[in-house]
């Protein structure tokens, strides 16, 4: 399993989404975080499995939640670029480095 890192804005997106879900239903925020963790583990095990969204980035859809994890593959790691809602502000993350 390769290492990973988060873009600072991606960390904020996870936190905000988790807080929103938790405010809707107790425990749903924790379920969201568990699904993000599960998907990141999948990405770390199979970093080339995501759907390409540009020359250097890929995406994987979360199960149960309308979010996509956008990441960049490096030789020994992956960088999580965004935790993007699938129906809001499409492609806003493209300018992130």
PDB file of N, CA and C in Angstrom:
ATOM      1  N   UNK A   1       0.851  -1.173   0.000  1.00  0.00           N
ATOM      2  CA  UNK A   1       0.000   0.000   0.000  1.00  0.00           C
ATOM      3  C   UNK A   1       0.899   1.238   0.000  1.00  0.00           C
ATOM      4  N   UNK A   2       0.644   2.151  -0.940  1.00  0.00           N
ATOM      5  CA  UNK A   2       1.475   3.346  -1.042  1.00  0.00           C
ATOM      6  C   UNK A   2       0.955   4.442  -0.118  1.00  0.00           C
ATOM      7  N   UNK A   3       1.796   5.420   0.130  1.00  0.00           N
ATOM      8  CA  UNK A   3       1.411   6.519   1.021  1.00  0.00           C
ATOM      9  C   UNK A   3       0.494   7.506   0.276  1.00  0.00           C
ATOM     10  N   UNK A   4      -0.109   8.404   1.057  1.00  0.00           N
ATOM     11  CA  UNK A   4      -0.985   9.404   0.462  1.00  0.00           C
ATOM     12  C   UNK A   4      -0.911  10.692   1.262  1.00  0.00           C
ATOM     13  N   UNK A   5      -1.368  11.756   0.632  1.00  0.00           N
ATOM     14  CA  UNK A   5      -1.441  13.061   1.284  1.00  0.00           C
ATOM     15  C   UNK A   5      -2.695  13.771   0.772  1.00  0.00           C
ATOM     16  N   UNK A   6      -3.098  14.800   1.511  1.00  0.00           N
ATOM     17  CA  UNK A   6      -4.272  15.577   1.151  1.00  0.00           C
ATOM     18  C   UNK A   6      -3.883  16.989   0.767  1.00  0.00           C
ATOM     19  N   UNK A   7      -4.525  17.508  -0.256  1.00  0.00           N
ATOM     20  CA  UNK A   7      -4.485  18.938  -0.512  1.00  0.00           C
ATOM     21  C   UNK A   7      -5.239  19.579   0.661  1.00  0.00           C
ATOM     22  N   UNK A   8      -4.785  20.719   1.184  1.00  0.00           N
ATOM     23  CA  UNK A   8      -5.474  21.336   2.332  1.00  0.00           C
ATOM     24  C   UNK A   8      -6.970  21.561   2.094  1.00  0.00           C
ATOM     25  N   UNK A   9      -7.345  21.924   0.887  1.00  0.00           N
ATOM     26  CA  UNK A   9      -8.765  22.143   0.594  1.00  0.00           C
ATOM     27  C   UNK A   9      -9.552  20.834   0.603  1.00  0.00           C
ATOM     28  N   UNK A  10      -8.914  19.739   0.244  1.00  0.00           N
ATOM     29  CA  UNK A  10      -9.586  18.433   0.284  1.00  0.00           C
ATOM     30  C   UNK A  10      -9.888  18.044   1.729  1.00  0.00           C
ATOM     31  N   UNK A  11      -8.975  18.340   2.625  1.00  0.00           N
ATOM     32  CA  UNK A  11      -9.225  18.072   4.048  1.00  0.00           C
ATOM     33  C   UNK A  11     -10.435  18.868   4.545  1.00  0.00           C
ATOM     34  N   UNK A  12     -10.528  20.111   4.122  1.00  0.00           N
ATOM     35  CA  UNK A  12     -11.662  20.963   4.499  1.00  0.00           C
ATOM     36  C   UNK A  12     -12.964  20.396   3.937  1.00  0.00           C
ATOM     37  N   UNK A  13     -12.917  19.919   2.700  1.00  0.00           N
ATOM     38  CA  UNK A  13     -14.115  19.351   2.076  1.00  0.00           C
ATOM     39  C   UNK A  13     -14.616  18.122   2.836  1.00  0.00           C
ATOM     40  N   UNK A  14     -13.696  17.271   3.270  1.00  0.00           N
ATOM     41  CA  UNK A  14     -14.083  16.092   4.043  1.00  0.00           C
ATOM     42  C   UNK A  14     -14.750  16.518   5.353  1.00  0.00           C
ATOM     43  N   UNK A  15     -14.125  17.453   6.021  1.00  0.00           N
ATOM     44  CA  UNK A  15     -14.640  17.917   7.312  1.00  0.00           C
ATOM     45  C   UNK A  15     -16.035  18.532   7.165  1.00  0.00           C
ATOM     46  N   UNK A  16     -16.202  19.399   6.173  1.00  0.00           N
ATOM     47  CA  UNK A  16     -17.494  20.058   5.976  1.00  0.00           C
ATOM     48  C   UNK A  16     -18.592  19.058   5.611  1.00  0.00           C
ATOM     49  N   UNK A  17     -18.284  18.116   4.733  1.00  0.00           N
ATOM     50  CA  UNK A  17     -19.280  17.113   4.335  1.00  0.00           C
ATOM     51  C   UNK A  17     -19.651  16.233   5.525  1.00  0.00           C
ATOM     52  N   UNK A  18     -18.665  15.838   6.300  1.00  0.00           N
ATOM     53  CA  UNK A  18     -18.921  14.998   7.469  1.00  0.00           C
ATOM     54  C   UNK A  18     -19.812  15.721   8.471  1.00  0.00           C
ATOM     55  N   UNK A  19     -19.517  16.981   8.735  1.00  0.00           N
ATOM     56  CA  UNK A  19     -20.334  17.766   9.664  1.00  0.00           C
ATOM     57  C   UNK A  19     -21.756  17.934   9.147  1.00  0.00           C
ATOM     58  N   UNK A  20     -21.903  18.153   7.837  1.00  0.00           N
ATOM     59  CA  UNK A  20     -23.238  18.279   7.254  1.00  0.00           C
ATOM     60  C   UNK A  20     -24.022  16.991   7.455  1.00  0.00           C
ATOM     61  N   UNK A  21     -23.442  15.856   7.095  1.00  0.00           N
ATOM     62  CA  UNK A  21     -24.154  14.578   7.228  1.00  0.00           C
ATOM     63  C   UNK A  21     -24.486  14.275   8.686  1.00  0.00           C
ATOM     64  N   UNK A  22     -23.569  14.583   9.575  1.00  0.00           N
ATOM     65  CA  UNK A  22     -23.824  14.331  10.994  1.00  0.00           C
ATOM     66  C   UNK A  22     -24.967  15.204  11.508  1.00  0.00           C
ATOM     67  N   UNK A  23     -25.095  16.412  10.958  1.00  0.00           N
ATOM     68  CA  UNK A  23     -26.188  17.297  11.377  1.00  0.00           C
ATOM     69  C   UNK A  23     -27.544  16.810  10.856  1.00  0.00           C
ATOM     70  N   UNK A  24     -27.523  16.011   9.804  1.00  0.00           N
ATOM     71  CA  UNK A  24     -28.761  15.486   9.244  1.00  0.00           C
ATOM     72  C   UNK A  24     -29.251  14.252   9.996  1.00  0.00           C
ATOM     73  N   UNK A  25     -28.319  13.334  10.253  1.00  0.00           N
ATOM     74  CA  UNK A  25     -28.635  12.081  10.943  1.00  0.00           C
ATOM     75  C   UNK A  25     -27.427  11.702  11.792  1.00  0.00           C
ATOM     76  N   UNK A  26     -27.644  11.475  13.079  1.00  0.00           N
ATOM     77  CA  UNK A  26     -26.548  11.094  13.962  1.00  0.00           C
ATOM     78  C   UNK A  26     -25.908   9.803  13.448  1.00  0.00           C
ATOM     79  N   UNK A  27     -24.597   9.844  13.287  1.00  0.00           N
ATOM     80  CA  UNK A  27     -23.856   8.679  12.810  1.00  0.00           C
ATOM     81  C   UNK A  27     -23.578   8.690  11.316  1.00  0.00           C
ATOM     82  N   UNK A  28     -24.318   9.507  10.558  1.00  0.00           N
ATOM     83  CA  UNK A  28     -24.119   9.536   9.108  1.00  0.00           C
ATOM     84  C   UNK A  28     -22.789  10.183   8.737  1.00  0.00           C
ATOM     85  N   UNK A  29     -22.360  11.155   9.520  1.00  0.00           N
ATOM     86  CA  UNK A  29     -21.049  11.768   9.274  1.00  0.00           C
ATOM     87  C   UNK A  29     -19.930  10.759   9.446  1.00  0.00           C
ATOM     88  N   UNK A  30     -20.059   9.906  10.451  1.00  0.00           N
ATOM     89  CA  UNK A  30     -19.062   8.855  10.665  1.00  0.00           C
ATOM     90  C   UNK A  30     -19.092   7.834   9.537  1.00  0.00           C
ATOM     91  N   UNK A  31     -20.272   7.542   9.032  1.00  0.00           N
ATOM     92  CA  UNK A  31     -20.392   6.627   7.888  1.00  0.00           C
ATOM     93  C   UNK A  31     -19.725   7.219   6.653  1.00  0.00           C
ATOM     94  N   UNK A  32     -19.905   8.529   6.459  1.00  0.00           N
ATOM     95  CA  UNK A  32     -19.246   9.206   5.343  1.00  0.00           C
ATOM     96  C   UNK A  32     -17.733   9.089   5.465  1.00  0.00           C
ATOM     97  N   UNK A  33     -17.197   9.374   6.653  1.00  0.00           N
ATOM     98  CA  UNK A  33     -15.751   9.277   6.863  1.00  0.00           C
ATOM     99  C   UNK A  33     -15.245   7.853   6.645  1.00  0.00           C
ATOM    100  N   UNK A  34     -16.007   6.873   7.074  1.00  0.00           N
ATOM    101  CA  UNK A  34     -15.617   5.473   6.877  1.00  0.00           C
ATOM    102  C   UNK A  34     -15.577   5.131   5.385  1.00  0.00           C
ATOM    103  N   UNK A  35     -16.533   5.653   4.627  1.00  0.00           N
ATOM    104  CA  UNK A  35     -16.543   5.400   3.180  1.00  0.00           C
ATOM    105  C   UNK A  35     -15.377   6.090   2.495  1.00  0.00           C
ATOM    106  N   UNK A  36     -15.039   7.305   2.932  1.00  0.00           N
ATOM    107  CA  UNK A  36     -13.860   7.994   2.387  1.00  0.00           C
ATOM    108  C   UNK A  36     -12.609   7.175   2.690  1.00  0.00           C
ATOM    109  N   UNK A  37     -12.463   6.710   3.923  1.00  0.00           N
ATOM    110  CA  UNK A  37     -11.298   5.898   4.293  1.00  0.00           C
ATOM    111  C   UNK A  37     -11.224   4.615   3.472  1.00  0.00           C
ATOM    112  N   UNK A  38     -12.356   3.953   3.279  1.00  0.00           N
ATOM    113  CA  UNK A  38     -12.384   2.716   2.501  1.00  0.00           C
ATOM    114  C   UNK A  38     -11.946   2.979   1.061  1.00  0.00           C
ATOM    115  N   UNK A  39     -12.431   4.065   0.484  1.00  0.00           N
ATOM    116  CA  UNK A  39     -12.101   4.388  -0.905  1.00  0.00           C
ATOM    117  C   UNK A  39     -10.636   4.792  -1.039  1.00  0.00           C
ATOM    118  N   UNK A  40     -10.112   5.526  -0.078  1.00  0.00           N
ATOM    119  CA  UNK A  40      -8.692   5.889  -0.120  1.00  0.00           C
ATOM    120  C   UNK A  40      -7.824   4.639  -0.001  1.00  0.00           C
ATOM    121  N   UNK A  41      -8.228   3.688   0.814  1.00  0.00           N
ATOM    122  CA  UNK A  41      -7.476   2.425   0.904  1.00  0.00           C
ATOM    123  C   UNK A  41      -7.470   1.702  -0.437  1.00  0.00           C
ATOM    124  N   UNK A  42      -8.608   1.705  -1.115  1.00  0.00           N
ATOM    125  CA  UNK A  42      -8.690   1.105  -2.442  1.00  0.00           C
ATOM    126  C   UNK A  42      -7.750   1.811  -3.417  1.00  0.00           C
ATOM    127  N   UNK A  43      -7.746   3.132  -3.370  1.00  0.00           N
ATOM    128  CA  UNK A  43      -6.866   3.922  -4.237  1.00  0.00           C
ATOM    129  C   UNK A  43      -5.401   3.602  -3.934  1.00  0.00           C
ATOM    130  N   UNK A  44      -5.074   3.492  -2.670  1.00  0.00           N
ATOM    131  CA  UNK A  44      -3.691   3.202  -2.282  1.00  0.00           C
ATOM    132  C   UNK A  44      -3.259   1.811  -2.745  1.00  0.00           C
ATOM    133  N   UNK A  45      -4.172   0.861  -2.736  1.00  0.00           N
ATOM    134  CA  UNK A  45      -3.857  -0.493  -3.197  1.00  0.00           C
ATOM    135  C   UNK A  45      -3.798  -0.588  -4.718  1.00  0.00           C
ATOM    136  N   UNK A  46      -4.666   0.165  -5.390  1.00  0.00           N
ATOM    137  CA  UNK A  46      -4.773   0.110  -6.850  1.00  0.00           C
ATOM    138  C   UNK A  46      -4.804   1.531  -7.420  1.00  0.00           C
ATOM    139  N   UNK A  47      -3.688   2.249  -7.373  1.00  0.00           N
ATOM    140  CA  UNK A  47      -3.691   3.671  -7.743  1.00  0.00           C
ATOM    141  C   UNK A  47      -4.021   3.966  -9.204  1.00  0.00           C
ATOM    142  N   UNK A  48      -3.909   2.985 -10.073  1.00  0.00           N
ATOM    143  CA  UNK A  48      -4.239   3.229 -11.480  1.00  0.00           C
ATOM    144  C   UNK A  48      -5.659   2.821 -11.836  1.00  0.00           C
ATOM    145  N   UNK A  49      -6.441   2.414 -10.861  1.00  0.00           N
ATOM    146  CA  UNK A  49      -7.794   1.923 -11.121  1.00  0.00           C
ATOM    147  C   UNK A  49      -8.817   3.024 -11.359  1.00  0.00           C
ATOM    148  N   UNK A  50      -8.552   4.220 -10.877  1.00  0.00           N
ATOM    149  CA  UNK A  50      -9.517   5.309 -11.040  1.00  0.00           C
ATOM    150  C   UNK A  50      -9.672   5.727 -12.486  1.00  0.00           C
ATOM    151  N   UNK A  51     -10.795   6.367 -12.779  1.00  0.00           N
ATOM    152  CA  UNK A  51     -11.080   6.850 -14.125  1.00  0.00           C
ATOM    153  C   UNK A  51     -10.255   8.111 -14.402  1.00  0.00           C
ATOM    154  N   UNK A  52      -9.524   8.162 -15.514  1.00  0.00           N
ATOM    155  CA  UNK A  52      -8.711   9.353 -15.817  1.00  0.00           C
ATOM    156  C   UNK A  52      -9.579  10.600 -16.021  1.00  0.00           C
ATOM    157  N   UNK A  53      -9.142  11.717 -15.437  1.00  0.00           N
ATOM    158  CA  UNK A  53      -9.834  13.001 -15.611  1.00  0.00           C
ATOM    159  C   UNK A  53      -8.836  14.078 -16.023  1.00  0.00           C
ATOM    160  N   UNK A  54      -7.912  13.710 -16.821  1.00  0.00           N
ATOM    161  CA  UNK A  54      -6.871  14.614 -17.273  1.00  0.00           C
ATOM    162  C   UNK A  54      -5.586  13.833 -17.412  1.00  0.00           C
ATOM    163  N   UNK A  55      -4.538  14.510 -17.804  1.00  0.00           N
ATOM    164  CA  UNK A  55      -3.281  13.792 -18.040  1.00  0.00           C
ATOM    165  C   UNK A  55      -2.660  13.176 -16.792  1.00  0.00           C
ATOM    166  N   UNK A  56      -2.921  13.734 -15.616  1.00  0.00           N
ATOM    167  CA  UNK A  56      -2.241  13.226 -14.420  1.00  0.00           C
ATOM    168  C   UNK A  56      -3.181  12.921 -13.268  1.00  0.00           C
ATOM    169  N   UNK A  57      -4.476  13.041 -13.486  1.00  0.00           N
ATOM    170  CA  UNK A  57      -5.419  12.852 -12.378  1.00  0.00           C
ATOM    171  C   UNK A  57      -6.432  11.766 -12.698  1.00  0.00           C
ATOM    172  N   UNK A  58      -6.956  11.195 -11.607  1.00  0.00           N
ATOM    173  CA  UNK A  58      -7.962  10.143 -11.713  1.00  0.00           C
ATOM    174  C   UNK A  58      -9.046  10.409 -10.682  1.00  0.00           C
ATOM    175  N   UNK A  59     -10.170   9.718 -10.840  1.00  0.00           N
ATOM    176  CA  UNK A  59     -11.253   9.881  -9.877  1.00  0.00           C
ATOM    177  C   UNK A  59     -11.885   8.528  -9.563  1.00  0.00           C
ATOM    178  N   UNK A  60     -12.411   8.440  -8.349  1.00  0.00           N
ATOM    179  CA  UNK A  60     -13.148   7.262  -7.900  1.00  0.00           C
ATOM    180  C   UNK A  60     -14.403   7.762  -7.188  1.00  0.00           C
ATOM    181  N   UNK A  61     -15.541   7.173  -7.522  1.00  0.00           N
ATOM    182  CA  UNK A  61     -16.798   7.553  -6.897  1.00  0.00           C
ATOM    183  C   UNK A  61     -16.950   6.832  -5.559  1.00  0.00           C
ATOM    184  N   UNK A  62     -17.495   7.555  -4.578  1.00  0.00           N
ATOM    185  CA  UNK A  62     -17.813   6.922  -3.300  1.00  0.00           C
ATOM    186  C   UNK A  62     -19.104   6.122  -3.443  1.00  0.00           C
ATOM    187  N   UNK A  63     -19.215   5.049  -2.689  1.00  0.00           N
ATOM    188  CA  UNK A  63     -20.483   4.327  -2.572  1.00  0.00           C
ATOM    189  C   UNK A  63     -21.330   5.058  -1.534  1.00  0.00           C
ATOM    190  N   UNK A  64     -22.636   5.063  -1.709  1.00  0.00           N
ATOM    191  CA  UNK A  64     -23.601   5.606  -0.751  1.00  0.00           C
ATOM    192  C   UNK A  64     -23.660   7.127  -0.676  1.00  0.00           C
ATOM    193  N   UNK A  65     -22.654   7.825  -1.136  1.00  0.00           N
ATOM    194  CA  UNK A  65     -22.621   9.286  -1.020  1.00  0.00           C
ATOM    195  C   UNK A  65     -22.283   9.887  -2.379  1.00  0.00           C
ATOM    196  N   UNK A  66     -22.865  11.048  -2.716  1.00  0.00           N
ATOM    197  CA  UNK A  66     -22.630  11.646  -4.034  1.00  0.00           C
ATOM    198  C   UNK A  66     -21.328  12.447  -4.103  1.00  0.00           C
ATOM    199  N   UNK A  67     -20.228  11.792  -3.789  1.00  0.00           N
ATOM    200  CA  UNK A  67     -18.924  12.440  -3.799  1.00  0.00           C
ATOM    201  C   UNK A  67     -17.933  11.636  -4.626  1.00  0.00           C
ATOM    202  N   UNK A  68     -16.953  12.344  -5.140  1.00  0.00           N
ATOM    203  CA  UNK A  68     -15.874  11.765  -5.931  1.00  0.00           C
ATOM    204  C   UNK A  68     -14.555  12.128  -5.272  1.00  0.00           C
ATOM    205  N   UNK A  69     -13.652  11.174  -5.199  1.00  0.00           N
ATOM    206  CA  UNK A  69     -12.290  11.473  -4.749  1.00  0.00           C
ATOM    207  C   UNK A  69     -11.440  11.651  -5.994  1.00  0.00           C
ATOM    208  N   UNK A  70     -10.863  12.837  -6.123  1.00  0.00           N
ATOM    209  CA  UNK A  70      -9.967  13.145  -7.229  1.00  0.00           C
ATOM    210  C   UNK A  70      -8.550  13.085  -6.681  1.00  0.00           C
ATOM    211  N   UNK A  71      -7.679  12.370  -7.382  1.00  0.00           N
ATOM    212  CA  UNK A  71      -6.316  12.213  -6.886  1.00  0.00           C
ATOM    213  C   UNK A  71      -5.314  12.234  -8.028  1.00  0.00           C
ATOM    214  N   UNK A  72      -4.093  12.504  -7.649  1.00  0.00           N
ATOM    215  CA  UNK A  72      -2.990  12.502  -8.597  1.00  0.00           C
ATOM    216  C   UNK A  72      -2.034  11.390  -8.213  1.00  0.00           C
ATOM    217  N   UNK A  73      -1.660  10.607  -9.184  1.00  0.00           N
ATOM    218  CA  UNK A  73      -0.762   9.465  -8.975  1.00  0.00           C
ATOM    219  C   UNK A  73       0.677   9.925  -9.097  1.00  0.00           C
ATOM    220  N   UNK A  74       1.482   9.610  -8.098  1.00  0.00           N
ATOM    221  CA  UNK A  74       2.923   9.839  -8.128  1.00  0.00           C
ATOM    222  C   UNK A  74       3.594   8.469  -8.068  1.00  0.00           C
ATOM    223  N   UNK A  75       4.883   8.365  -8.361  1.00  0.00           N
ATOM    224  CA  UNK A  75       5.523   7.045  -8.365  1.00  0.00           C
ATOM    225  C   UNK A  75       5.381   6.269  -7.057  1.00  0.00           C
ATOM    226  N   UNK A  76       5.493   6.938  -5.922  1.00  0.00           N
ATOM    227  CA  UNK A  76       5.453   6.239  -4.636  1.00  0.00           C
ATOM    228  C   UNK A  76       4.305   6.671  -3.735  1.00  0.00           C
ATOM    229  N   UNK A  77       3.386   7.485  -4.264  1.00  0.00           N
ATOM    230  CA  UNK A  77       2.295   7.987  -3.430  1.00  0.00           C
ATOM    231  C   UNK A  77       1.144   8.478  -4.298  1.00  0.00           C
ATOM    232  N   UNK A  78       0.061   8.850  -3.631  1.00  0.00           N
ATOM    233  CA  UNK A  78      -1.051   9.535  -4.287  1.00  0.00           C
ATOM    234  C   UNK A  78      -1.354  10.793  -3.485  1.00  0.00           C
ATOM    235  N   UNK A  79      -1.760  11.821  -4.188  1.00  0.00           N
ATOM    236  CA  UNK A  79      -2.156  13.079  -3.552  1.00  0.00           C
ATOM    237  C   UNK A  79      -3.653  13.260  -3.780  1.00  0.00           C
ATOM    238  N   UNK A  80      -4.411  13.333  -2.704  1.00  0.00           N
ATOM    239  CA  UNK A  80      -5.854  13.552  -2.793  1.00  0.00           C
ATOM    240  C   UNK A  80      -6.069  15.032  -3.083  1.00  0.00           C
ATOM    241  N   UNK A  81      -6.574  15.332  -4.262  1.00  0.00           N
ATOM    242  CA  UNK A  81      -6.735  16.709  -4.713  1.00  0.00           C
ATOM    243  C   UNK A  81      -8.062  17.297  -4.245  1.00  0.00           C
ATOM    244  N   UNK A  82      -9.124  16.474  -4.273  1.00  0.00           N
ATOM    245  CA  UNK A  82     -10.449  16.993  -3.907  1.00  0.00           C
ATOM    246  C   UNK A  82     -11.362  15.855  -3.473  1.00  0.00           C
ATOM    247  N   UNK A  83     -12.280  16.211  -2.591  1.00  0.00           N
ATOM    248  CA  UNK A  83     -13.423  15.366  -2.251  1.00  0.00           C
ATOM    249  C   UNK A  83     -14.602  16.172  -2.767  1.00  0.00           C
ATOM    250  N   UNK A  84     -14.982  15.916  -4.013  1.00  0.00           N
ATOM    251  CA  UNK A  84     -15.906  16.783  -4.737  1.00  0.00           C
ATOM    252  C   UNK A  84     -17.315  16.213  -4.783  1.00  0.00           C
ATOM    253  N   UNK A  85     -18.287  17.060  -4.445  1.00  0.00           N
ATOM    254  CA  UNK A  85     -19.688  16.677  -4.588  1.00  0.00           C
ATOM    255  C   UNK A  85     -19.966  16.523  -6.081  1.00  0.00           C
ATOM    256  N   UNK A  86     -20.693  15.492  -6.452  1.00  0.00           N
ATOM    257  CA  UNK A  86     -20.896  15.182  -7.870  1.00  0.00           C
ATOM    258  C   UNK A  86     -21.875  16.108  -8.572  1.00  0.00           C
ATOM    259  N   UNK A  87     -22.647  16.880  -7.807  1.00  0.00           N
ATOM    260  CA  UNK A  87     -23.653  17.735  -8.436  1.00  0.00           C
ATOM    261  C   UNK A  87     -23.428  19.227  -8.201  1.00  0.00           C
ATOM    262  N   UNK A  88     -22.345  19.583  -7.580  1.00  0.00           N
ATOM    263  CA  UNK A  88     -22.075  20.998  -7.292  1.00  0.00           C
ATOM    264  C   UNK A  88     -20.754  21.424  -7.916  1.00  0.00           C
ATOM    265  N   UNK A  89     -20.739  22.591  -8.489  1.00  0.00           N
ATOM    266  CA  UNK A  89     -19.521  23.209  -9.016  1.00  0.00           C
ATOM    267  C   UNK A  89     -18.602  22.210  -9.732  1.00  0.00           C
ATOM    268  N   UNK A  90     -19.015  21.670 -10.851  1.00  0.00           N
ATOM    269  CA  UNK A  90     -18.173  20.688 -11.533  1.00  0.00           C
ATOM    270  C   UNK A  90     -16.804  21.253 -11.909  1.00  0.00           C
ATOM    271  N   UNK A  91     -15.816  20.446 -11.696  1.00  0.00           N
ATOM    272  CA  UNK A  91     -14.428  20.737 -12.100  1.00  0.00           C
ATOM    273  C   UNK A  91     -13.783  21.930 -11.406  1.00  0.00           C
ATOM    274  N   UNK A  92     -14.330  22.411 -10.298  1.00  0.00           N
ATOM    275  CA  UNK A  92     -13.737  23.544  -9.589  1.00  0.00           C
ATOM    276  C   UNK A  92     -12.316  23.237  -9.112  1.00  0.00           C
ATOM    277  N   UNK A  93     -12.013  21.981  -8.916  1.00  0.00           N
ATOM    278  CA  UNK A  93     -10.735  21.540  -8.361  1.00  0.00           C
ATOM    279  C   UNK A  93      -9.612  21.497  -9.398  1.00  0.00           C
ATOM    280  N   UNK A  94      -9.921  21.692 -10.664  1.00  0.00           N
ATOM    281  CA  UNK A  94      -8.910  21.544 -11.733  1.00  0.00           C
ATOM    282  C   UNK A  94      -7.719  22.481 -11.581  1.00  0.00           C
ATOM    283  N   UNK A  95      -7.883  23.617 -10.924  1.00  0.00           N
ATOM    284  CA  UNK A  95      -6.781  24.572 -10.762  1.00  0.00           C
ATOM    285  C   UNK A  95      -5.878  24.253  -9.579  1.00  0.00           C
ATOM    286  N   UNK A  96      -6.245  23.282  -8.780  1.00  0.00           N
ATOM    287  CA  UNK A  96      -5.423  22.929  -7.614  1.00  0.00           C
ATOM    288  C   UNK A  96      -4.143  22.247  -8.041  1.00  0.00           C
ATOM    289  N   UNK A  97      -3.106  22.544  -7.289  1.00  0.00           N
ATOM    290  CA  UNK A  97      -1.807  21.920  -7.574  1.00  0.00           C
ATOM    291  C   UNK A  97      -1.432  20.989  -6.473  1.00  0.00           C
TER     292      UNK A  97
END
